[in-house]
Amino acid sequence: MPKEKIHPHYDAVRVLCACGNSFETRSTHKGDIHVEICSVCHPFFTGKQRLVDTAGRVERFRRKYAKAGETAPAK
């Protein structure tokens, strides 16, 4: 048995993924854990290459550098 005053509490928590999958594990973290990618949607486990874009970051990156390419000085 762990000693009460020196070891953290190790309780069951729920892990929620952005793809909608959820599972239960044990952790010292309090409350639910929110992740962007899990074993159900990760390309390593699924064998499918898929672009995971949770907040429009890829599109924002493409727009930013598309504008940068247009404003390059001509020689």
N, C-alpha and C. Protein backbone atom coordinates (compact mmCIF):
# COMPACT_ATOMS: atom_id res chain seq x y z
N MET A 1 0.84 -1.19 0.00
CA MET A 1 0.00 0.00 0.00
C MET A 1 0.88 1.25 0.00
N PRO A 2 0.54 2.23 -0.83
CA PRO A 2 1.30 3.48 -0.81
C PRO A 2 1.00 4.27 0.46
N LYS A 3 2.01 4.97 0.89
CA LYS A 3 1.83 5.81 2.07
C LYS A 3 0.95 7.00 1.71
N GLU A 4 0.09 7.40 2.61
CA GLU A 4 -0.93 8.41 2.35
C GLU A 4 -0.35 9.79 2.07
N LYS A 5 0.66 10.22 2.79
CA LYS A 5 1.11 11.61 2.69
C LYS A 5 2.20 11.84 1.66
N ILE A 6 2.82 10.78 1.12
CA ILE A 6 3.92 11.00 0.18
C ILE A 6 3.58 10.58 -1.25
N HIS A 7 2.55 9.78 -1.45
CA HIS A 7 2.19 9.34 -2.79
C HIS A 7 0.93 10.06 -3.27
N PRO A 8 0.90 10.44 -4.56
CA PRO A 8 -0.32 11.09 -5.09
C PRO A 8 -1.46 10.08 -5.22
N HIS A 9 -2.66 10.59 -5.28
CA HIS A 9 -3.84 9.74 -5.48
C HIS A 9 -3.84 9.25 -6.92
N TYR A 10 -4.10 7.99 -7.11
CA TYR A 10 -4.09 7.34 -8.42
C TYR A 10 -5.49 6.81 -8.67
N ASP A 11 -6.28 7.60 -9.42
CA ASP A 11 -7.69 7.28 -9.62
C ASP A 11 -7.99 7.04 -11.09
N ALA A 12 -9.18 6.51 -11.35
CA ALA A 12 -9.65 6.31 -12.72
C ALA A 12 -10.06 7.65 -13.32
N VAL A 13 -9.63 7.90 -14.56
CA VAL A 13 -10.00 9.11 -15.29
C VAL A 13 -10.47 8.70 -16.68
N ARG A 14 -11.22 9.57 -17.33
CA ARG A 14 -11.71 9.33 -18.68
C ARG A 14 -10.88 10.15 -19.65
N VAL A 15 -10.43 9.53 -20.74
CA VAL A 15 -9.67 10.20 -21.79
C VAL A 15 -10.60 10.41 -22.96
N LEU A 16 -10.73 11.66 -23.43
CA LEU A 16 -11.62 12.01 -24.54
C LEU A 16 -10.77 12.51 -25.71
N CYS A 17 -10.97 11.93 -26.88
CA CYS A 17 -10.24 12.31 -28.08
C CYS A 17 -11.09 13.24 -28.95
N ALA A 18 -10.43 14.02 -29.78
CA ALA A 18 -11.14 14.92 -30.70
C ALA A 18 -11.96 14.15 -31.73
N CYS A 19 -11.58 12.89 -32.01
CA CYS A 19 -12.32 12.08 -32.99
C CYS A 19 -13.61 11.52 -32.41
N GLY A 20 -13.82 11.66 -31.09
CA GLY A 20 -15.03 11.16 -30.47
C GLY A 20 -14.81 9.90 -29.64
N ASN A 21 -13.65 9.29 -29.76
CA ASN A 21 -13.36 8.09 -28.98
C ASN A 21 -13.10 8.47 -27.52
N SER A 22 -13.48 7.60 -26.61
CA SER A 22 -13.17 7.82 -25.20
C SER A 22 -12.89 6.47 -24.55
N PHE A 23 -12.03 6.50 -23.56
CA PHE A 23 -11.71 5.30 -22.80
C PHE A 23 -11.31 5.69 -21.39
N GLU A 24 -11.28 4.71 -20.53
CA GLU A 24 -10.96 4.96 -19.13
C GLU A 24 -9.60 4.38 -18.80
N THR A 25 -8.82 5.12 -18.03
CA THR A 25 -7.51 4.68 -17.58
C THR A 25 -7.30 5.20 -16.17
N ARG A 26 -6.15 4.92 -15.61
CA ARG A 26 -5.84 5.41 -14.28
C ARG A 26 -4.72 6.43 -14.38
N SER A 27 -4.82 7.48 -13.57
CA SER A 27 -3.84 8.56 -13.63
C SER A 27 -3.86 9.36 -12.34
N THR A 28 -2.81 10.15 -12.13
CA THR A 28 -2.78 11.08 -11.01
C THR A 28 -3.43 12.40 -11.39
N HIS A 29 -3.77 12.57 -12.67
CA HIS A 29 -4.43 13.77 -13.16
C HIS A 29 -5.85 13.83 -12.61
N LYS A 30 -6.29 15.00 -12.25
CA LYS A 30 -7.66 15.15 -11.73
C LYS A 30 -8.60 15.56 -12.86
N GLY A 31 -9.70 14.89 -13.01
CA GLY A 31 -10.67 15.23 -14.04
C GLY A 31 -10.39 14.51 -15.35
N ASP A 32 -11.16 14.85 -16.37
CA ASP A 32 -11.01 14.24 -17.69
C ASP A 32 -9.76 14.76 -18.38
N ILE A 33 -9.20 13.92 -19.26
CA ILE A 33 -8.05 14.29 -20.08
C ILE A 33 -8.54 14.42 -21.51
N HIS A 34 -8.29 15.55 -22.15
CA HIS A 34 -8.70 15.78 -23.54
C HIS A 34 -7.46 15.72 -24.43
N VAL A 35 -7.50 14.87 -25.45
CA VAL A 35 -6.38 14.71 -26.38
C VAL A 35 -6.87 14.98 -27.79
N GLU A 36 -5.93 15.34 -28.68
CA GLU A 36 -6.28 15.63 -30.07
C GLU A 36 -6.23 14.38 -30.94
N ILE A 37 -5.43 13.39 -30.56
CA ILE A 37 -5.26 12.20 -31.37
C ILE A 37 -5.07 11.00 -30.45
N CYS A 38 -5.65 9.87 -30.82
CA CYS A 38 -5.57 8.67 -29.99
C CYS A 38 -5.23 7.47 -30.88
N SER A 39 -5.23 6.28 -30.31
CA SER A 39 -4.87 5.08 -31.06
C SER A 39 -5.91 4.71 -32.11
N VAL A 40 -7.12 5.22 -31.99
CA VAL A 40 -8.17 4.91 -32.97
C VAL A 40 -7.99 5.75 -34.24
N CYS A 41 -7.50 6.98 -34.10
CA CYS A 41 -7.38 7.86 -35.27
C CYS A 41 -5.93 8.15 -35.67
N HIS A 42 -4.94 7.66 -34.94
CA HIS A 42 -3.53 7.92 -35.26
C HIS A 42 -3.10 7.07 -36.46
N PRO A 43 -2.39 7.67 -37.43
CA PRO A 43 -1.99 6.93 -38.64
C PRO A 43 -1.11 5.71 -38.35
N PHE A 44 -0.31 5.73 -37.32
CA PHE A 44 0.53 4.58 -37.00
C PHE A 44 -0.30 3.35 -36.68
N PHE A 45 -1.39 3.52 -35.98
CA PHE A 45 -2.24 2.40 -35.59
C PHE A 45 -3.26 2.03 -36.66
N THR A 46 -3.72 3.00 -37.43
CA THR A 46 -4.76 2.73 -38.43
C THR A 46 -4.19 2.29 -39.76
N GLY A 47 -2.95 2.66 -40.07
CA GLY A 47 -2.35 2.32 -41.35
C GLY A 47 -2.78 3.25 -42.46
N LYS A 48 -3.54 4.27 -42.15
CA LYS A 48 -4.02 5.22 -43.15
C LYS A 48 -3.41 6.58 -42.86
N GLN A 49 -2.85 7.20 -43.88
CA GLN A 49 -2.31 8.54 -43.71
C GLN A 49 -3.46 9.53 -43.82
N ARG A 50 -3.67 10.28 -42.78
CA ARG A 50 -4.77 11.22 -42.74
C ARG A 50 -4.29 12.50 -42.09
N LEU A 51 -4.65 13.61 -42.64
CA LEU A 51 -4.26 14.89 -42.09
C LEU A 51 -5.22 15.26 -40.97
N VAL A 52 -4.70 15.40 -39.77
CA VAL A 52 -5.53 15.73 -38.61
C VAL A 52 -5.42 17.23 -38.39
N ASP A 53 -6.51 17.93 -38.60
CA ASP A 53 -6.53 19.38 -38.46
C ASP A 53 -7.66 19.75 -37.52
N THR A 54 -7.32 19.99 -36.25
CA THR A 54 -8.36 20.19 -35.25
C THR A 54 -8.87 21.61 -35.18
N ALA A 55 -8.05 22.59 -35.53
CA ALA A 55 -8.49 23.97 -35.35
C ALA A 55 -8.24 24.81 -36.59
N GLY A 56 -8.17 24.19 -37.76
CA GLY A 56 -7.95 24.95 -38.99
C GLY A 56 -6.52 25.45 -39.13
N ARG A 57 -5.58 24.83 -38.42
CA ARG A 57 -4.19 25.30 -38.43
C ARG A 57 -3.52 25.10 -39.78
N VAL A 58 -3.81 23.97 -40.44
CA VAL A 58 -3.19 23.70 -41.73
C VAL A 58 -3.67 24.71 -42.77
N GLU A 59 -4.95 24.96 -42.79
CA GLU A 59 -5.50 25.93 -43.75
C GLU A 59 -4.93 27.32 -43.49
N ARG A 60 -4.82 27.71 -42.24
CA ARG A 60 -4.27 29.01 -41.88
C ARG A 60 -2.80 29.10 -42.32
N PHE A 61 -2.04 28.02 -42.16
CA PHE A 61 -0.65 27.96 -42.60
C PHE A 61 -0.56 28.13 -44.11
N ARG A 62 -1.41 27.43 -44.86
CA ARG A 62 -1.39 27.53 -46.33
C ARG A 62 -1.74 28.93 -46.81
N ARG A 63 -2.75 29.57 -46.17
CA ARG A 63 -3.10 30.94 -46.56
C ARG A 63 -1.97 31.90 -46.28
N LYS A 64 -1.31 31.74 -45.14
CA LYS A 64 -0.22 32.63 -44.75
C LYS A 64 0.93 32.57 -45.75
N TYR A 65 1.35 31.37 -46.13
CA TYR A 65 2.47 31.23 -47.04
C TYR A 65 2.08 31.39 -48.50
N ALA A 66 0.81 31.28 -48.82
CA ALA A 66 0.36 31.59 -50.17
C ALA A 66 0.48 33.10 -50.39
N LYS A 67 0.12 33.89 -49.38
CA LYS A 67 0.26 35.34 -49.47
C LYS A 67 1.73 35.74 -49.51
N ALA A 68 2.58 35.07 -48.76
CA ALA A 68 4.01 35.39 -48.73
C ALA A 68 4.64 35.13 -50.09
N GLY A 69 4.19 34.11 -50.80
CA GLY A 69 4.74 33.78 -52.13
C GLY A 69 4.32 34.82 -53.16
N GLU A 70 3.16 35.44 -53.00
CA GLU A 70 2.68 36.45 -53.96
C GLU A 70 3.42 37.76 -53.82
N THR A 71 3.89 38.08 -52.63
CA THR A 71 4.53 39.37 -52.40
C THR A 71 6.04 39.32 -52.56
N ALA A 72 6.58 38.21 -53.09
CA ALA A 72 8.02 38.12 -53.30
C ALA A 72 8.44 39.10 -54.38
N PRO A 73 9.55 39.83 -54.17
CA PRO A 73 10.00 40.80 -55.16
C PRO A 73 10.47 40.14 -56.45
N ALA A 74 10.15 40.76 -57.58
CA ALA A 74 10.55 40.24 -58.88
C ALA A 74 11.96 40.68 -59.22
N LYS A 75 12.70 39.83 -59.93
CA LYS A 75 14.10 40.14 -60.29
C LYS A 75 14.19 40.80 -61.63
